[in-house]
Protein backbone atom coordinates (compact mmCIF):
# COMPACT_ATOMS: atom_id res chain seq x y z
CA MET A 1 0.00 0.00 0.00
CA ALA A 2 2.83 2.45 0.85
CA ASN A 3 4.48 1.83 -2.53
CA ARG A 4 1.18 2.49 -4.27
CA LYS A 5 0.80 5.86 -2.50
CA LYS A 6 4.38 6.80 -3.41
CA GLY A 7 3.66 5.88 -7.04
CA CYS A 8 0.51 8.02 -7.11
CA ILE A 9 2.36 10.99 -5.63
CA LEU A 10 5.16 10.58 -8.18
CA LEU A 11 2.66 10.39 -11.06
CA MET A 12 0.89 13.53 -9.86
CA ALA A 13 4.21 15.39 -9.62
CA LEU A 14 5.21 14.27 -13.12
CA ALA A 15 1.81 15.26 -14.52
CA LEU A 16 2.12 18.74 -13.03
CA ALA A 17 5.66 19.12 -14.31
CA GLY A 18 4.52 18.13 -17.80
CA CYS A 19 1.91 20.90 -17.91
CA GLY A 20 4.57 23.60 -18.29
CA GLY A 21 5.20 26.54 -16.03
CA ASP A 22 5.41 26.51 -12.28
CA PRO A 23 2.36 24.72 -10.85
CA ARG A 24 2.46 27.07 -7.89
CA SER A 25 1.98 30.19 -10.07
CA SER A 26 -1.50 31.63 -10.60
CA GLU A 27 -2.67 33.63 -13.64
CA VAL A 28 -3.84 36.94 -12.20
CA THR A 29 -4.81 40.12 -14.05
CA LEU A 30 -3.30 43.45 -13.09
CA ALA A 31 -6.81 44.63 -12.18
CA VAL A 32 -7.10 41.83 -9.62
CA LEU A 33 -3.60 42.50 -8.24
CA ALA A 34 -4.40 46.20 -7.91
CA GLY A 35 -7.86 45.68 -6.42
CA ASN A 36 -7.08 42.79 -4.08
CA ALA A 37 -3.33 42.97 -3.48
CA GLU A 38 -3.39 41.70 0.10
CA ALA A 39 -4.98 38.41 -0.98
CA HIS A 40 -2.03 37.71 -3.30
CA ASP A 41 0.79 38.90 -1.03
CA GLY A 42 3.52 36.26 -1.05
CA SER A 43 2.05 34.39 -4.04
CA ARG A 44 3.72 33.37 -7.26
CA VAL A 45 1.80 34.98 -10.12
CA VAL A 46 1.74 35.31 -13.89
CA THR A 47 0.35 38.53 -15.37
CA GLU A 48 0.75 40.70 -18.44
CA GLY A 49 0.81 44.31 -19.57
CA VAL A 50 3.06 47.05 -20.96
CA VAL A 51 6.38 47.94 -19.34
CA ARG A 52 6.74 51.60 -18.30
CA HIS A 53 9.30 53.50 -16.22
CA PHE A 54 10.09 56.74 -14.44
CA GLU A 55 13.59 58.22 -14.10
CA GLU A 56 13.60 59.99 -10.71
CA PRO A 57 13.61 57.85 -8.68
CA LEU A 58 14.21 55.10 -11.21
CA HIS A 59 11.52 52.45 -11.18
CA TYR A 60 9.79 50.13 -13.67
CA TRP A 61 6.27 48.80 -13.67
CA ILE A 62 3.82 46.87 -15.78
CA GLU A 63 0.40 48.36 -16.53
CA ASP A 64 -2.82 47.53 -18.34
CA GLU A 65 -5.13 49.80 -20.37
CA ASP A 66 -6.90 50.90 -17.15
CA LEU A 67 -3.58 51.95 -15.59
CA ASN A 68 -3.54 49.15 -13.01
CA ARG A 69 0.14 48.89 -12.09
CA VAL A 70 2.65 46.63 -10.37
CA GLU A 71 6.30 47.61 -9.86
CA LEU A 72 8.89 45.18 -11.29
CA PHE A 73 12.27 44.04 -9.93
CA PRO A 74 15.10 43.68 -10.70
CA HIS A 75 15.33 46.76 -12.91
CA ASP A 76 18.11 45.39 -15.12
CA ALA A 77 15.96 42.34 -15.98
CA ILE A 78 12.98 44.41 -17.18
CA ALA A 79 14.71 47.51 -18.65
CA PRO A 80 15.26 45.94 -22.12
CA TYR A 81 11.47 45.49 -22.45
CA LEU A 82 10.52 49.15 -21.94
CA GLY A 83 7.41 49.99 -23.99
CA GLU A 84 6.72 46.35 -24.88
CA ARG A 85 3.74 44.18 -24.03
CA VAL A 86 5.01 41.32 -21.86
CA ARG A 87 3.94 38.34 -19.80
CA VAL A 88 5.81 38.14 -16.49
CA GLU A 89 6.07 35.53 -13.78
CA GLY A 90 7.42 35.96 -10.28
CA GLN A 91 6.88 36.52 -6.59
CA PHE A 92 4.24 39.15 -5.75
CA ALA A 93 4.44 41.23 -2.59
CA PHE A 94 2.25 43.96 -1.16
CA SER A 95 2.76 46.38 1.68
CA ARG A 96 1.05 49.65 2.47
CA GLU A 97 4.45 51.36 2.65
CA GLU A 98 6.00 50.01 -0.56
CA GLY A 99 2.94 49.17 -2.65
CA ARG A 100 2.60 46.32 -5.14
CA ARG A 101 5.80 44.70 -6.43
CA LEU A 102 6.76 41.66 -8.45
CA THR A 103 10.21 40.09 -8.29
CA LEU A 104 10.71 38.54 -11.71
CA ASP A 105 11.53 34.96 -12.55
CA SER A 106 10.70 35.25 -16.26
CA VAL A 107 9.69 37.77 -18.93
CA GLU A 108 8.16 36.93 -22.31
CA THR A 109 7.48 39.47 -25.06
CA LEU A 110 3.93 39.27 -26.44
CA ASP A 111 2.66 40.25 -29.87
CA ALA A 112 0.17 43.11 -29.99
CA GLY A 113 -2.63 40.61 -30.70
CA ASP A 114 -1.88 38.30 -27.74
């Protein structure tokens, strides 16, 4: 019986790995992250939008057409995508002092029609 349980757990892990992406990441829109940030604090998320920045102080963010925004880190990882529509994955954090931020694990450029 114990071997059967181990086999089932292994099969479930392999099935999740075969689906692509991190099974712990959730697809979340920027509108949801902006409107319900506390519920996603500490979560791994996937979201998309256009990369924007501001010079003083230097910071980068991703935004949607309704101007829902999440700041992106590290800056050197996102800077090459300035002005592009992207899909990002990473660790989301929220605090009342620092706002909404996403520490990037991956960035993918999207076509305008995606």
